[in-house]
Amino acid sequence: MNVTVSIPEGLAHQLAKEGRSIENQLMLDLALYYYQRGLISLGKAVELSGLRRPEFESLLAQYRIERPGSPEDLENDLDWAKSNE
């Protein structure tokens, strides 16, 4: 699905950070927002952000976004981490 959003040019330049295009920044912001509220999984947030998982997790730490989830989610994350050592 494609969605078109109109943002005033001056605001678009303010919102784009760290050399990202406004489109990439908005996708990242949406991923962080929805993940923080527990509306999407970590995997979906990573996919939406367009980043690799370690980069996305680094941003979670940088922005001090705690991981919502159950003990099962934590176990799945630990299993993933062990398999990627």
Protein backbone atom coordinates (compact mmCIF):
# COMPACT_ATOMS: atom_id res chain seq x y z
CA MET A 1 0.00 0.00 0.00
CA ASN A 2 1.26 3.45 -0.85
CA VAL A 3 0.24 6.51 1.12
CA THR A 4 0.94 10.05 0.03
CA VAL A 5 1.48 12.73 2.66
CA SER A 6 2.00 16.42 1.97
CA ILE A 7 4.47 18.14 4.29
CA PRO A 8 5.51 21.76 3.91
CA GLU A 9 9.03 21.88 2.47
CA GLY A 10 10.55 23.82 5.35
CA LEU A 11 9.16 21.35 7.87
CA ALA A 12 10.34 18.40 5.78
CA HIS A 13 13.91 19.71 5.94
CA GLN A 14 13.64 20.13 9.72
CA LEU A 15 12.32 16.60 10.20
CA ALA A 16 14.96 14.81 8.14
CA LYS A 17 17.86 13.85 10.41
CA GLU A 18 21.32 12.41 10.03
CA GLY A 19 21.34 12.60 6.25
CA ARG A 20 18.15 10.56 5.84
CA SER A 21 15.55 11.53 3.28
CA ILE A 22 12.25 12.73 4.71
CA GLU A 23 10.61 9.52 3.49
CA ASN A 24 13.15 7.34 5.31
CA GLN A 25 12.95 9.48 8.45
CA LEU A 26 9.16 9.27 8.54
CA MET A 27 9.24 5.49 8.13
CA LEU A 28 11.78 5.24 10.96
CA ASP A 29 9.73 7.54 13.19
CA LEU A 30 6.60 5.49 12.52
CA ALA A 31 8.46 2.28 13.32
CA LEU A 32 9.74 3.69 16.62
CA TYR A 33 6.33 5.11 17.54
CA TYR A 34 4.33 1.97 16.80
CA TYR A 35 6.92 -0.31 18.40
CA GLN A 36 7.10 1.79 21.58
CA ARG A 37 3.33 1.53 21.96
CA GLY A 38 3.36 -2.21 21.42
CA LEU A 39 1.35 -2.00 18.21
CA ILE A 40 3.92 -3.82 16.08
CA SER A 41 6.57 -6.42 16.80
CA LEU A 42 10.29 -5.73 16.76
CA GLY A 43 10.59 -7.57 13.44
CA LYS A 44 7.86 -5.47 11.84
CA ALA A 45 9.37 -2.30 13.27
CA VAL A 46 12.76 -3.20 11.79
CA GLU A 47 11.11 -3.91 8.44
CA LEU A 48 9.17 -0.63 8.50
CA SER A 49 12.26 1.37 9.50
CA GLY A 50 14.34 0.12 6.58
CA LEU A 51 17.28 -0.47 8.93
CA ARG A 52 19.05 -3.64 9.94
CA ARG A 53 18.03 -5.01 13.33
CA PRO A 54 21.24 -4.00 15.18
CA GLU A 55 20.90 -0.43 13.87
CA PHE A 56 17.26 -0.25 14.93
CA GLU A 57 18.04 -1.69 18.37
CA SER A 58 20.82 0.88 18.75
CA LEU A 59 18.28 3.65 18.12
CA LEU A 60 15.93 2.10 20.69
CA ALA A 61 18.73 2.38 23.23
CA GLN A 62 19.71 5.87 22.09
CA TYR A 63 16.13 7.13 22.44
CA ARG A 64 15.65 5.10 25.65
CA ILE A 65 12.68 3.25 24.23
CA GLU A 66 11.93 0.25 26.39
CA ARG A 67 10.89 -2.96 24.78
CA PRO A 68 7.25 -3.76 25.34
CA GLY A 69 6.45 -7.42 25.46
CA SER A 70 5.91 -10.59 27.34
CA PRO A 71 8.40 -13.02 28.84
CA GLU A 72 7.93 -15.07 25.66
CA ASP A 73 9.06 -12.08 23.58
CA LEU A 74 12.16 -11.76 25.74
CA GLU A 75 12.91 -15.46 25.30
CA ASN A 76 12.57 -15.13 21.52
CA ASP A 77 14.94 -12.14 21.54
CA LEU A 78 17.49 -14.05 23.61
CA ASP A 79 17.29 -17.04 21.25
CA TRP A 80 17.83 -14.68 18.29
CA ALA A 81 20.83 -13.08 20.00
CA LYS A 82 22.39 -16.46 20.74
CA SER A 83 21.99 -17.58 17.14
CA ASN A 84 23.70 -14.42 15.88
CA GLU A 85 26.77 -14.42 18.14
